[in-house]
Amino acid sequence: MQQETSDRNAVMHIDEVAQYQAGRYISSNEATWRILSFPIHERSPAVIHLAVHLENGQRVYFTASNVQQRALNPPATTLTAFFHLCQNDAFAKTLLYSDVPTYYTWNASRKVF
């Protein structure tokens, strides 16, 4: 960090890159993974968040204009979609909730498996 002063204005030059590099910590494990070019952030198979909640206990986001509609028809979650899937698919009935993403794809826009 450098500071220049003049009669009227004080200007501070902050080198953010140098501050980041000086403050960054890389463990020996992470360094080895990076040197050997192992993927660090990818997940295979893809990780999917499975909601767990009580009956009608899912989170509901609403605005002033759609309060009543959201309260009467709460949005589907992966858990409620799993229950609907089990009602309609014999194979799904044999699966545990945590195993469903292995055999079915979650469609986030339609909120169905």
PDB file of N, CA and C in Angstrom:
ATOM      1  N   MET A   1       0.849  -1.154   0.000  1.00  0.00           N
ATOM      2  CA  MET A   1       0.000   0.000   0.000  1.00  0.00           C
ATOM      3  C   MET A   1       0.902   1.226   0.000  1.00  0.00           C
ATOM      4  N   GLN A   2       0.581   2.160  -0.855  1.00  0.00           N
ATOM      5  CA  GLN A   2       1.346   3.394  -0.929  1.00  0.00           C
ATOM      6  C   GLN A   2       0.410   4.555  -0.664  1.00  0.00           C
ATOM      7  N   GLN A   3       0.949   5.578  -0.077  1.00  0.00           N
ATOM      8  CA  GLN A   3       0.138   6.746   0.194  1.00  0.00           C
ATOM      9  C   GLN A   3       0.867   7.975  -0.315  1.00  0.00           C
ATOM     10  N   GLU A   4       0.186   8.719  -1.157  1.00  0.00           N
ATOM     11  CA  GLU A   4       0.732   9.972  -1.656  1.00  0.00           C
ATOM     12  C   GLU A   4      -0.072  11.101  -1.039  1.00  0.00           C
ATOM     13  N   THR A   5       0.610  12.063  -0.526  1.00  0.00           N
ATOM     14  CA  THR A   5      -0.103  13.189   0.062  1.00  0.00           C
ATOM     15  C   THR A   5       0.254  14.458  -0.681  1.00  0.00           C
ATOM     16  N   SER A   6      -0.683  15.297  -0.776  1.00  0.00           N
ATOM     17  CA  SER A   6      -0.470  16.616  -1.361  1.00  0.00           C
ATOM     18  C   SER A   6      -1.213  17.616  -0.485  1.00  0.00           C
ATOM     19  N   ASP A   7      -1.216  18.837  -0.918  1.00  0.00           N
ATOM     20  CA  ASP A   7      -1.855  19.878  -0.118  1.00  0.00           C
ATOM     21  C   ASP A   7      -3.339  19.596   0.080  1.00  0.00           C
ATOM     22  N   ARG A   8      -3.992  19.187  -1.009  1.00  0.00           N
ATOM     23  CA  ARG A   8      -5.450  19.107  -0.971  1.00  0.00           C
ATOM     24  C   ARG A   8      -5.994  17.684  -0.854  1.00  0.00           C
ATOM     25  N   ASN A   9      -5.392  16.753  -1.553  1.00  0.00           N
ATOM     26  CA  ASN A   9      -5.964  15.404  -1.622  1.00  0.00           C
ATOM     27  C   ASN A   9      -4.964  14.359  -1.148  1.00  0.00           C
ATOM     28  N   ALA A  10      -5.488  13.334  -0.522  1.00  0.00           N
ATOM     29  CA  ALA A  10      -4.663  12.180  -0.154  1.00  0.00           C
ATOM     30  C   ALA A  10      -5.126  11.013  -1.018  1.00  0.00           C
ATOM     31  N   VAL A  11      -4.193  10.392  -1.734  1.00  0.00           N
ATOM     32  CA  VAL A  11      -4.518   9.285  -2.625  1.00  0.00           C
ATOM     33  C   VAL A  11      -3.819   8.037  -2.113  1.00  0.00           C
ATOM     34  N   MET A  12      -4.588   6.959  -1.958  1.00  0.00           N
ATOM     35  CA  MET A  12      -4.008   5.697  -1.513  1.00  0.00           C
ATOM     36  C   MET A  12      -4.062   4.710  -2.666  1.00  0.00           C
ATOM     37  N   HIS A  13      -2.918   4.121  -2.999  1.00  0.00           N
ATOM     38  CA  HIS A  13      -2.851   3.093  -4.025  1.00  0.00           C
ATOM     39  C   HIS A  13      -2.776   1.746  -3.319  1.00  0.00           C
ATOM     40  N   ILE A  14      -3.784   0.913  -3.541  1.00  0.00           N
ATOM     41  CA  ILE A  14      -3.843  -0.395  -2.892  1.00  0.00           C
ATOM     42  C   ILE A  14      -3.642  -1.465  -3.952  1.00  0.00           C
ATOM     43  N   ASP A  15      -2.651  -2.293  -3.764  1.00  0.00           N
ATOM     44  CA  ASP A  15      -2.379  -3.398  -4.680  1.00  0.00           C
ATOM     45  C   ASP A  15      -3.147  -4.626  -4.183  1.00  0.00           C
ATOM     46  N   GLU A  16      -4.359  -4.810  -4.695  1.00  0.00           N
ATOM     47  CA  GLU A  16      -5.221  -5.896  -4.232  1.00  0.00           C
ATOM     48  C   GLU A  16      -4.657  -7.263  -4.585  1.00  0.00           C
ATOM     49  N   VAL A  17      -3.994  -7.381  -5.720  1.00  0.00           N
ATOM     50  CA  VAL A  17      -3.414  -8.663  -6.125  1.00  0.00           C
ATOM     51  C   VAL A  17      -2.329  -9.077  -5.143  1.00  0.00           C
ATOM     52  N   ALA A  18      -1.460  -8.152  -4.794  1.00  0.00           N
ATOM     53  CA  ALA A  18      -0.391  -8.456  -3.833  1.00  0.00           C
ATOM     54  C   ALA A  18      -0.968  -8.809  -2.466  1.00  0.00           C
ATOM     55  N   GLN A  19      -2.012  -8.112  -2.042  1.00  0.00           N
ATOM     56  CA  GLN A  19      -2.648  -8.421  -0.766  1.00  0.00           C
ATOM     57  C   GLN A  19      -3.264  -9.818  -0.791  1.00  0.00           C
ATOM     58  N   TYR A  20      -3.906 -10.172  -1.898  1.00  0.00           N
ATOM     59  CA  TYR A  20      -4.514 -11.500  -2.023  1.00  0.00           C
ATOM     60  C   TYR A  20      -3.446 -12.587  -1.971  1.00  0.00           C
ATOM     61  N   GLN A  21      -2.373 -12.408  -2.739  1.00  0.00           N
ATOM     62  CA  GLN A  21      -1.310 -13.409  -2.766  1.00  0.00           C
ATOM     63  C   GLN A  21      -0.619 -13.532  -1.411  1.00  0.00           C
ATOM     64  N   ALA A  22      -0.448 -12.433  -0.720  1.00  0.00           N
ATOM     65  CA  ALA A  22       0.202 -12.473   0.591  1.00  0.00           C
ATOM     66  C   ALA A  22      -0.692 -13.138   1.637  1.00  0.00           C
ATOM     67  N   GLY A  23      -1.989 -12.993   1.503  1.00  0.00           N
ATOM     68  CA  GLY A  23      -2.912 -13.535   2.495  1.00  0.00           C
ATOM     69  C   GLY A  23      -3.480 -14.893   2.165  1.00  0.00           C
ATOM     70  N   ARG A  24      -3.214 -15.398   0.980  1.00  0.00           N
ATOM     71  CA  ARG A  24      -3.784 -16.679   0.555  1.00  0.00           C
ATOM     72  C   ARG A  24      -2.999 -17.828   1.170  1.00  0.00           C
ATOM     73  N   TYR A  25      -3.724 -18.845   1.580  1.00  0.00           N
ATOM     74  CA  TYR A  25      -3.090 -20.038   2.143  1.00  0.00           C
ATOM     75  C   TYR A  25      -3.464 -21.235   1.281  1.00  0.00           C
ATOM     76  N   ILE A  26      -2.483 -21.977   0.850  1.00  0.00           N
ATOM     77  CA  ILE A  26      -2.719 -23.204   0.091  1.00  0.00           C
ATOM     78  C   ILE A  26      -2.117 -24.345   0.896  1.00  0.00           C
ATOM     79  N   SER A  27      -2.962 -25.302   1.255  1.00  0.00           N
ATOM     80  CA  SER A  27      -2.472 -26.439   2.034  1.00  0.00           C
ATOM     81  C   SER A  27      -1.635 -27.353   1.147  1.00  0.00           C
ATOM     82  N   SER A  28      -0.906 -28.253   1.778  1.00  0.00           N
ATOM     83  CA  SER A  28      -0.076 -29.187   1.014  1.00  0.00           C
ATOM     84  C   SER A  28      -0.938 -30.103   0.151  1.00  0.00           C
ATOM     85  N   ASN A  29      -2.115 -30.461   0.654  1.00  0.00           N
ATOM     86  CA  ASN A  29      -3.012 -31.307  -0.141  1.00  0.00           C
ATOM     87  C   ASN A  29      -3.473 -30.591  -1.404  1.00  0.00           C
ATOM     88  N   GLU A  30      -3.920 -29.345  -1.254  1.00  0.00           N
ATOM     89  CA  GLU A  30      -4.383 -28.591  -2.416  1.00  0.00           C
ATOM     90  C   GLU A  30      -3.243 -28.352  -3.396  1.00  0.00           C
ATOM     91  N   ALA A  31      -2.058 -28.056  -2.900  1.00  0.00           N
ATOM     92  CA  ALA A  31      -0.905 -27.834  -3.771  1.00  0.00           C
ATOM     93  C   ALA A  31      -0.595 -29.080  -4.590  1.00  0.00           C
ATOM     94  N   THR A  32      -0.629 -30.240  -3.956  1.00  0.00           N
ATOM     95  CA  THR A  32      -0.373 -31.498  -4.666  1.00  0.00           C
ATOM     96  C   THR A  32      -1.423 -31.738  -5.737  1.00  0.00           C
ATOM     97  N   TRP A  33      -2.686 -31.514  -5.390  1.00  0.00           N
ATOM     98  CA  TRP A  33      -3.760 -31.720  -6.366  1.00  0.00           C
ATOM     99  C   TRP A  33      -3.602 -30.777  -7.555  1.00  0.00           C
ATOM    100  N   ARG A  34      -3.205 -29.535  -7.295  1.00  0.00           N
ATOM    101  CA  ARG A  34      -3.021 -28.579  -8.392  1.00  0.00           C
ATOM    102  C   ARG A  34      -1.800 -28.934  -9.237  1.00  0.00           C
ATOM    103  N   ILE A  35      -0.695 -29.344  -8.615  1.00  0.00           N
ATOM    104  CA  ILE A  35       0.510 -29.719  -9.357  1.00  0.00           C
ATOM    105  C   ILE A  35       0.233 -30.913 -10.258  1.00  0.00           C
ATOM    106  N   LEU A  36      -0.518 -31.890  -9.758  1.00  0.00           N
ATOM    107  CA  LEU A  36      -0.822 -33.096 -10.532  1.00  0.00           C
ATOM    108  C   LEU A  36      -2.031 -32.919 -11.449  1.00  0.00           C
ATOM    109  N   SER A  37      -2.593 -31.718 -11.485  1.00  0.00           N
ATOM    110  CA  SER A  37      -3.717 -31.354 -12.368  1.00  0.00           C
ATOM    111  C   SER A  37      -4.965 -32.194 -12.126  1.00  0.00           C
ATOM    112  N   PHE A  38      -5.208 -32.542 -10.870  1.00  0.00           N
ATOM    113  CA  PHE A  38      -6.455 -33.233 -10.550  1.00  0.00           C
ATOM    114  C   PHE A  38      -7.589 -32.217 -10.523  1.00  0.00           C
ATOM    115  N   PRO A  39      -8.787 -32.620 -10.932  1.00  0.00           N
ATOM    116  CA  PRO A  39      -9.920 -31.693 -10.837  1.00  0.00           C
ATOM    117  C   PRO A  39     -10.264 -31.443  -9.370  1.00  0.00           C
ATOM    118  N   ILE A  40     -10.439 -30.199  -9.017  1.00  0.00           N
ATOM    119  CA  ILE A  40     -10.700 -29.852  -7.625  1.00  0.00           C
ATOM    120  C   ILE A  40     -12.168 -29.516  -7.401  1.00  0.00           C
ATOM    121  N   HIS A  41     -12.795 -28.844  -8.350  1.00  0.00           N
ATOM    122  CA  HIS A  41     -14.135 -28.333  -8.122  1.00  0.00           C
ATOM    123  C   HIS A  41     -15.234 -29.137  -8.796  1.00  0.00           C
ATOM    124  N   GLU A  42     -14.903 -30.026  -9.678  1.00  0.00           N
ATOM    125  CA  GLU A  42     -15.931 -30.785 -10.367  1.00  0.00           C
ATOM    126  C   GLU A  42     -16.389 -31.944  -9.501  1.00  0.00           C
ATOM    127  N   ARG A  43     -17.620 -32.353  -9.692  1.00  0.00           N
ATOM    128  CA  ARG A  43     -18.167 -33.508  -8.992  1.00  0.00           C
ATOM    129  C   ARG A  43     -18.699 -34.478 -10.035  1.00  0.00           C
ATOM    130  N   SER A  44     -18.343 -35.728  -9.885  1.00  0.00           N
ATOM    131  CA  SER A  44     -18.852 -36.737 -10.806  1.00  0.00           C
ATOM    132  C   SER A  44     -19.243 -37.957  -9.998  1.00  0.00           C
ATOM    133  N   PRO A  45     -20.462 -38.350 -10.003  1.00  0.00           N
ATOM    134  CA  PRO A  45     -21.581 -37.731 -10.703  1.00  0.00           C
ATOM    135  C   PRO A  45     -21.956 -36.388 -10.063  1.00  0.00           C
ATOM    136  N   ALA A  46     -22.778 -35.646 -10.765  1.00  0.00           N
ATOM    137  CA  ALA A  46     -23.177 -34.333 -10.278  1.00  0.00           C
ATOM    138  C   ALA A  46     -23.892 -34.465  -8.933  1.00  0.00           C
ATOM    139  N   VAL A  47     -23.659 -33.508  -8.056  1.00  0.00           N
ATOM    140  CA  VAL A  47     -24.279 -33.508  -6.737  1.00  0.00           C
ATOM    141  C   VAL A  47     -25.583 -32.739  -6.830  1.00  0.00           C
ATOM    142  N   ILE A  48     -26.658 -33.315  -6.313  1.00  0.00           N
ATOM    143  CA  ILE A  48     -27.955 -32.651  -6.320  1.00  0.00           C
ATOM    144  C   ILE A  48     -28.432 -32.502  -4.883  1.00  0.00           C
ATOM    145  N   HIS A  49     -28.965 -31.350  -4.573  1.00  0.00           N
ATOM    146  CA  HIS A  49     -29.489 -31.079  -3.237  1.00  0.00           C
ATOM    147  C   HIS A  49     -30.880 -31.691  -3.138  1.00  0.00           C
ATOM    148  N   LEU A  50     -31.085 -32.566  -2.172  1.00  0.00           N
ATOM    149  CA  LEU A  50     -32.390 -33.179  -1.950  1.00  0.00           C
ATOM    150  C   LEU A  50     -33.025 -32.536  -0.725  1.00  0.00           C
ATOM    151  N   ALA A  51     -34.182 -31.934  -0.933  1.00  0.00           N
ATOM    152  CA  ALA A  51     -34.871 -31.251   0.158  1.00  0.00           C
ATOM    153  C   ALA A  51     -35.431 -32.262   1.154  1.00  0.00           C
ATOM    154  N   VAL A  52     -35.395 -31.888   2.416  1.00  0.00           N
ATOM    155  CA  VAL A  52     -36.010 -32.686   3.477  1.00  0.00           C
ATOM    156  C   VAL A  52     -36.818 -31.723   4.336  1.00  0.00           C
ATOM    157  N   HIS A  53     -38.112 -31.996   4.468  1.00  0.00           N
ATOM    158  CA  HIS A  53     -38.975 -31.120   5.250  1.00  0.00           C
ATOM    159  C   HIS A  53     -40.200 -31.897   5.701  1.00  0.00           C
ATOM    160  N   LEU A  54     -40.909 -31.356   6.668  1.00  0.00           N
ATOM    161  CA  LEU A  54     -42.155 -31.958   7.120  1.00  0.00           C
ATOM    162  C   LEU A  54     -43.238 -31.730   6.078  1.00  0.00           C
ATOM    163  N   GLU A  55     -44.348 -32.435   6.230  1.00  0.00           N
ATOM    164  CA  GLU A  55     -45.447 -32.268   5.283  1.00  0.00           C
ATOM    165  C   GLU A  55     -45.901 -30.808   5.280  1.00  0.00           C
ATOM    166  N   ASN A  56     -45.992 -30.246   4.094  1.00  0.00           N
ATOM    167  CA  ASN A  56     -46.336 -28.836   3.881  1.00  0.00           C
ATOM    168  C   ASN A  56     -45.392 -27.895   4.631  1.00  0.00           C
ATOM    169  N   GLY A  57     -44.166 -28.316   4.824  1.00  0.00           N
ATOM    170  CA  GLY A  57     -43.190 -27.496   5.529  1.00  0.00           C
ATOM    171  C   GLY A  57     -42.110 -26.941   4.627  1.00  0.00           C
ATOM    172  N   GLN A  58     -42.301 -27.014   3.309  1.00  0.00           N
ATOM    173  CA  GLN A  58     -41.289 -26.500   2.396  1.00  0.00           C
ATOM    174  C   GLN A  58     -41.263 -24.975   2.430  1.00  0.00           C
ATOM    175  N   ARG A  59     -40.129 -24.427   2.049  1.00  0.00           N
ATOM    176  CA  ARG A  59     -39.986 -22.974   2.015  1.00  0.00           C
ATOM    177  C   ARG A  59     -40.846 -22.405   0.904  1.00  0.00           C
ATOM    178  N   VAL A  60     -41.480 -21.284   1.205  1.00  0.00           N
ATOM    179  CA  VAL A  60     -42.342 -20.619   0.233  1.00  0.00           C
ATOM    180  C   VAL A  60     -41.874 -19.174   0.114  1.00  0.00           C
ATOM    181  N   TYR A  61     -41.559 -18.773  -1.097  1.00  0.00           N
ATOM    182  CA  TYR A  61     -41.160 -17.394  -1.374  1.00  0.00           C
ATOM    183  C   TYR A  61     -42.315 -16.719  -2.091  1.00  0.00           C
ATOM    184  N   PHE A  62     -42.683 -15.539  -1.626  1.00  0.00           N
ATOM    185  CA  PHE A  62     -43.839 -14.875  -2.204  1.00  0.00           C
ATOM    186  C   PHE A  62     -43.619 -13.374  -2.268  1.00  0.00           C
ATOM    187  N   THR A  63     -44.477 -12.734  -3.067  1.00  0.00           N
ATOM    188  CA  THR A  63     -44.507 -11.277  -3.156  1.00  0.00           C
ATOM    189  C   THR A  63     -45.880 -10.822  -2.684  1.00  0.00           C
ATOM    190  N   ALA A  64     -46.070  -9.534  -2.600  1.00  0.00           N
ATOM    191  CA  ALA A  64     -47.354  -9.008  -2.135  1.00  0.00           C
ATOM    192  C   ALA A  64     -48.500  -9.425  -3.053  1.00  0.00           C
ATOM    193  N   SER A  65     -48.211  -9.619  -4.331  1.00  0.00           N
ATOM    194  CA  SER A  65     -49.275  -9.943  -5.284  1.00  0.00           C
ATOM    195  C   SER A  65     -49.643 -11.424  -5.326  1.00  0.00           C
ATOM    196  N   ASN A  66     -48.774 -12.324  -4.846  1.00  0.00           N
ATOM    197  CA  ASN A  66     -49.087 -13.752  -4.968  1.00  0.00           C
ATOM    198  C   ASN A  66     -49.096 -14.495  -3.632  1.00  0.00           C
ATOM    199  N   VAL A  67     -49.360 -13.819  -2.539  1.00  0.00           N
ATOM    200  CA  VAL A  67     -49.336 -14.439  -1.211  1.00  0.00           C
ATOM    201  C   VAL A  67     -50.345 -15.570  -1.117  1.00  0.00           C
ATOM    202  N   GLN A  68     -51.579 -15.307  -1.482  1.00  0.00           N
ATOM    203  CA  GLN A  68     -52.638 -16.311  -1.339  1.00  0.00           C
ATOM    204  C   GLN A  68     -52.387 -17.506  -2.257  1.00  0.00           C
ATOM    205  N   GLN A  69     -51.983 -17.252  -3.488  1.00  0.00           N
ATOM    206  CA  GLN A  69     -51.733 -18.343  -4.438  1.00  0.00           C
ATOM    207  C   GLN A  69     -50.597 -19.230  -3.957  1.00  0.00           C
ATOM    208  N   ARG A  70     -49.521 -18.659  -3.432  1.00  0.00           N
ATOM    209  CA  ARG A  70     -48.384 -19.445  -2.941  1.00  0.00           C
ATOM    210  C   ARG A  70     -48.739 -20.222  -1.678  1.00  0.00           C
ATOM    211  N   ALA A  71     -49.584 -19.638  -0.818  1.00  0.00           N
ATOM    212  CA  ALA A  71     -49.978 -20.327   0.412  1.00  0.00           C
ATOM    213  C   ALA A  71     -50.870 -21.526   0.108  1.00  0.00           C
ATOM    214  N   LEU A  72     -51.753 -21.393  -0.871  1.00  0.00           N
ATOM    215  CA  LEU A  72     -52.659 -22.490  -1.227  1.00  0.00           C
ATOM    216  C   LEU A  72     -51.966 -23.558  -2.061  1.00  0.00           C
ATOM    217  N   ASN A  73     -51.015 -23.167  -2.900  1.00  0.00           N
ATOM    218  CA  ASN A  73     -50.293 -24.103  -3.767  1.00  0.00           C
ATOM    219  C   ASN A  73     -48.792 -23.923  -3.581  1.00  0.00           C
ATOM    220  N   PRO A  74     -48.219 -24.492  -2.513  1.00  0.00           N
ATOM    221  CA  PRO A  74     -46.774 -24.329  -2.317  1.00  0.00           C
ATOM    222  C   PRO A  74     -46.000 -25.002  -3.440  1.00  0.00           C
ATOM    223  N   PRO A  75     -44.819 -24.496  -3.756  1.00  0.00           N
ATOM    224  CA  PRO A  75     -44.045 -25.058  -4.866  1.00  0.00           C
ATOM    225  C   PRO A  75     -43.566 -26.476  -4.564  1.00  0.00           C
ATOM    226  N   ALA A  76     -43.389 -27.244  -5.617  1.00  0.00           N
ATOM    227  CA  ALA A  76     -42.891 -28.615  -5.483  1.00  0.00           C
ATOM    228  C   ALA A  76     -41.413 -28.586  -5.113  1.00  0.00           C
ATOM    229  N   THR A  77     -40.994 -29.571  -4.336  1.00  0.00           N
ATOM    230  CA  THR A  77     -39.588 -29.741  -3.991  1.00  0.00           C
ATOM    231  C   THR A  77     -39.153 -31.109  -4.493  1.00  0.00           C
ATOM    232  N   THR A  78     -37.886 -31.419  -4.336  1.00  0.00           N
ATOM    233  CA  THR A  78     -37.423 -32.747  -4.746  1.00  0.00           C
ATOM    234  C   THR A  78     -38.110 -33.833  -3.923  1.00  0.00           C
ATOM    235  N   LEU A  79     -38.435 -33.540  -2.671  1.00  0.00           N
ATOM    236  CA  LEU A  79     -39.112 -34.533  -1.829  1.00  0.00           C
ATOM    237  C   LEU A  79     -40.546 -34.771  -2.292  1.00  0.00           C
ATOM    238  N   THR A  80     -41.291 -33.697  -2.550  1.00  0.00           N
ATOM    239  CA  THR A  80     -42.670 -33.882  -3.019  1.00  0.00           C
ATOM    240  C   THR A  80     -42.688 -34.500  -4.414  1.00  0.00           C
ATOM    241  N   ALA A  81     -41.711 -34.150  -5.247  1.00  0.00           N
ATOM    242  CA  ALA A  81     -41.626 -34.764  -6.576  1.00  0.00           C
ATOM    243  C   ALA A  81     -41.300 -36.251  -6.462  1.00  0.00           C
ATOM    244  N   PHE A  82     -40.490 -36.635  -5.474  1.00  0.00           N
ATOM    245  CA  PHE A  82     -40.188 -38.048  -5.236  1.00  0.00           C
ATOM    246  C   PHE A  82     -41.459 -38.811  -4.871  1.00  0.00           C
ATOM    247  N   PHE A  83     -42.301 -38.233  -4.018  1.00  0.00           N
ATOM    248  CA  PHE A  83     -43.555 -38.896  -3.647  1.00  0.00           C
ATOM    249  C   PHE A  83     -44.470 -39.064  -4.856  1.00  0.00           C
ATOM    250  N   HIS A  84     -44.551 -38.041  -5.708  1.00  0.00           N
ATOM    251  CA  HIS A  84     -45.365 -38.153  -6.931  1.00  0.00           C
ATOM    252  C   HIS A  84     -44.782 -39.201  -7.870  1.00  0.00           C
ATOM    253  N   LEU A  85     -43.471 -39.257  -7.958  1.00  0.00           N
ATOM    254  CA  LEU A  85     -42.815 -40.249  -8.803  1.00  0.00           C
ATOM    255  C   LEU A  85     -43.134 -41.660  -8.317  1.00  0.00           C
ATOM    256  N   CYS A  86     -43.107 -41.865  -7.011  1.00  0.00           N
ATOM    257  CA  CYS A  86     -43.412 -43.191  -6.450  1.00  0.00           C
ATOM    258  C   CYS A  86     -44.864 -43.591  -6.697  1.00  0.00           C
ATOM    259  N   GLN A  87     -45.766 -42.633  -6.779  1.00  0.00           N
ATOM    260  CA  GLN A  87     -47.167 -42.941  -7.074  1.00  0.00           C
ATOM    261  C   GLN A  87     -47.341 -43.417  -8.504  1.00  0.00           C
ATOM    262  N   ASN A  88     -46.485 -42.942  -9.415  1.00  0.00           N
ATOM    263  CA  ASN A  88     -46.677 -43.211 -10.838  1.00  0.00           C
ATOM    264  C   ASN A  88     -45.687 -44.197 -11.439  1.00  0.00           C
ATOM    265  N   ASP A  89     -44.639 -44.557 -10.727  1.00  0.00           N
ATOM    266  CA  ASP A  89     -43.595 -45.398 -11.304  1.00  0.00           C
ATOM    267  C   ASP A  89     -43.270 -46.541 -10.346  1.00  0.00           C
ATOM    268  N   ALA A  90     -43.460 -47.770 -10.800  1.00  0.00           N
ATOM    269  CA  ALA A  90     -43.235 -48.948  -9.951  1.00  0.00           C
ATOM    270  C   ALA A  90     -41.764 -49.089  -9.568  1.00  0.00           C
ATOM    271  N   PHE A  91     -40.853 -48.789 -10.500  1.00  0.00           N
ATOM    272  CA  PHE A  91     -39.426 -48.910 -10.193  1.00  0.00           C
ATOM    273  C   PHE A  91     -39.006 -47.906  -9.129  1.00  0.00           C
ATOM    274  N   ALA A  92     -39.560 -46.697  -9.173  1.00  0.00           N
ATOM    275  CA  ALA A  92     -39.204 -45.663  -8.200  1.00  0.00           C
ATOM    276  C   ALA A  92     -39.588 -46.081  -6.786  1.00  0.00           C
ATOM    277  N   LYS A  93     -40.622 -46.891  -6.654  1.00  0.00           N
ATOM    278  CA  LYS A  93     -41.045 -47.352  -5.326  1.00  0.00           C
ATOM    279  C   LYS A  93     -39.985 -48.218  -4.661  1.00  0.00           C
ATOM    280  N   THR A  94     -39.117 -48.833  -5.449  1.00  0.00           N
ATOM    281  CA  THR A  94     -38.084 -49.709  -4.891  1.00  0.00           C
ATOM    282  C   THR A  94     -36.838 -48.935  -4.470  1.00  0.00           C
ATOM    283  N   LEU A  95     -36.775 -47.652  -4.785  1.00  0.00           N
ATOM    284  CA  LEU A  95     -35.577 -46.847  -4.514  1.00  0.00           C
ATOM    285  C   LEU A  95     -35.698 -46.061  -3.221  1.00  0.00           C
ATOM    286  N   LEU A  96     -34.561 -45.826  -2.599  1.00  0.00           N
ATOM    287  CA  LEU A  96     -34.505 -44.874  -1.502  1.00  0.00           C
ATOM    288  C   LEU A  96     -34.474 -43.469  -2.092  1.00  0.00           C
ATOM    289  N   TYR A  97     -34.897 -42.501  -1.309  1.00  0.00           N
ATOM    290  CA  TYR A  97     -34.915 -41.111  -1.761  1.00  0.00           C
ATOM    291  C   TYR A  97     -33.535 -40.669  -2.238  1.00  0.00           C
ATOM    292  N   SER A  98     -32.500 -41.059  -1.532  1.00  0.00           N
ATOM    293  CA  SER A  98     -31.140 -40.649  -1.896  1.00  0.00           C
ATOM    294  C   SER A  98     -30.640 -41.316  -3.175  1.00  0.00           C
ATOM    295  N   ASP A  99     -31.277 -42.411  -3.603  1.00  0.00           N
ATOM    296  CA  ASP A  99     -30.858 -43.118  -4.814  1.00  0.00           C
ATOM    297  C   ASP A  99     -31.571 -42.639  -6.075  1.00  0.00           C
ATOM    298  N   VAL A 100     -32.624 -41.868  -5.935  1.00  0.00           N
ATOM    299  CA  VAL A 100     -33.416 -41.435  -7.094  1.00  0.00           C
ATOM    300  C   VAL A 100     -32.587 -40.655  -8.113  1.00  0.00           C
ATOM    301  N   PRO A 101     -31.701 -39.712  -7.722  1.00  0.00           N
ATOM    302  CA  PRO A 101     -30.921 -38.987  -8.731  1.00  0.00           C
ATOM    303  C   PRO A 101     -29.998 -39.869  -9.565  1.00  0.00           C
ATOM    304  N   THR A 102     -29.713 -41.074  -9.097  1.00  0.00           N
ATOM    305  CA  THR A 102     -28.888 -41.995  -9.875  1.00  0.00           C
ATOM    306  C   THR A 102     -29.642 -42.503 -11.095  1.00  0.00           C
ATOM    307  N   TYR A 103     -30.955 -42.646 -10.972  1.00  0.00           N
ATOM    308  CA  TYR A 103     -31.768 -43.230 -12.037  1.00  0.00           C
ATOM    309  C   TYR A 103     -32.671 -42.223 -12.745  1.00  0.00           C
ATOM    310  N   TYR A 104     -32.938 -41.096 -12.129  1.00  0.00           N
ATOM    311  CA  TYR A 104     -33.832 -40.091 -12.701  1.00  0.00           C
ATOM    312  C   TYR A 104     -33.138 -38.733 -12.704  1.00  0.00           C
ATOM    313  N   THR A 105     -33.519 -37.885 -13.640  1.00  0.00           N
ATOM    314  CA  THR A 105     -32.954 -36.544 -13.753  1.00  0.00           C
ATOM    315  C   THR A 105     -33.949 -35.538 -13.208  1.00  0.00           C
ATOM    316  N   TRP A 106     -33.474 -34.630 -12.375  1.00  0.00           N
ATOM    317  CA  TRP A 106     -34.315 -33.580 -11.814  1.00  0.00           C
ATOM    318  C   TRP A 106     -34.448 -32.449 -12.817  1.00  0.00           C
ATOM    319  N   ASN A 107     -35.679 -32.139 -13.207  1.00  0.00           N
ATOM    320  CA  ASN A 107     -35.955 -31.024 -14.105  1.00  0.00           C
ATOM    321  C   ASN A 107     -36.341 -29.833 -13.237  1.00  0.00           C
ATOM    322  N   ALA A 108     -35.436 -28.897 -13.058  1.00  0.00           N
ATOM    323  CA  ALA A 108     -35.657 -27.779 -12.139  1.00  0.00           C
ATOM    324  C   ALA A 108     -36.740 -26.825 -12.626  1.00  0.00           C
ATOM    325  N   SER A 109     -36.897 -26.677 -13.925  1.00  0.00           N
ATOM    326  CA  SER A 109     -37.913 -25.745 -14.419  1.00  0.00           C
ATOM    327  C   SER A 109     -39.324 -26.305 -14.238  1.00  0.00           C
ATOM    328  N   ARG A 110     -39.487 -27.607 -14.442  1.00  0.00           N
ATOM    329  CA  ARG A 110     -40.805 -28.238 -14.259  1.00  0.00           C
ATOM    330  C   ARG A 110     -40.984 -28.811 -12.861  1.00  0.00           C
ATOM    331  N   LYS A 111     -39.879 -28.926 -12.118  1.00  0.00           N
ATOM    332  CA  LYS A 111     -39.850 -29.461 -10.762  1.00  0.00           C
ATOM    333  C   LYS A 111     -40.420 -30.872 -10.693  1.00  0.00           C
ATOM    334  N   VAL A 112     -39.876 -31.734 -11.554  1.00  0.00           N
ATOM    335  CA  VAL A 112     -40.250 -33.149 -11.586  1.00  0.00           C
ATOM    336  C   VAL A 112     -38.998 -33.980 -11.843  1.00  0.00           C
ATOM    337  N   PHE A 113     -39.064 -35.241 -11.428  1.00  0.00           N
ATOM    338  CA  PHE A 113     -38.018 -36.202 -11.778  1.00  0.00           C
ATOM    339  C   PHE A 113     -38.419 -36.867 -13.068  1.00  0.00           C
TER     340      PHE A 113
END
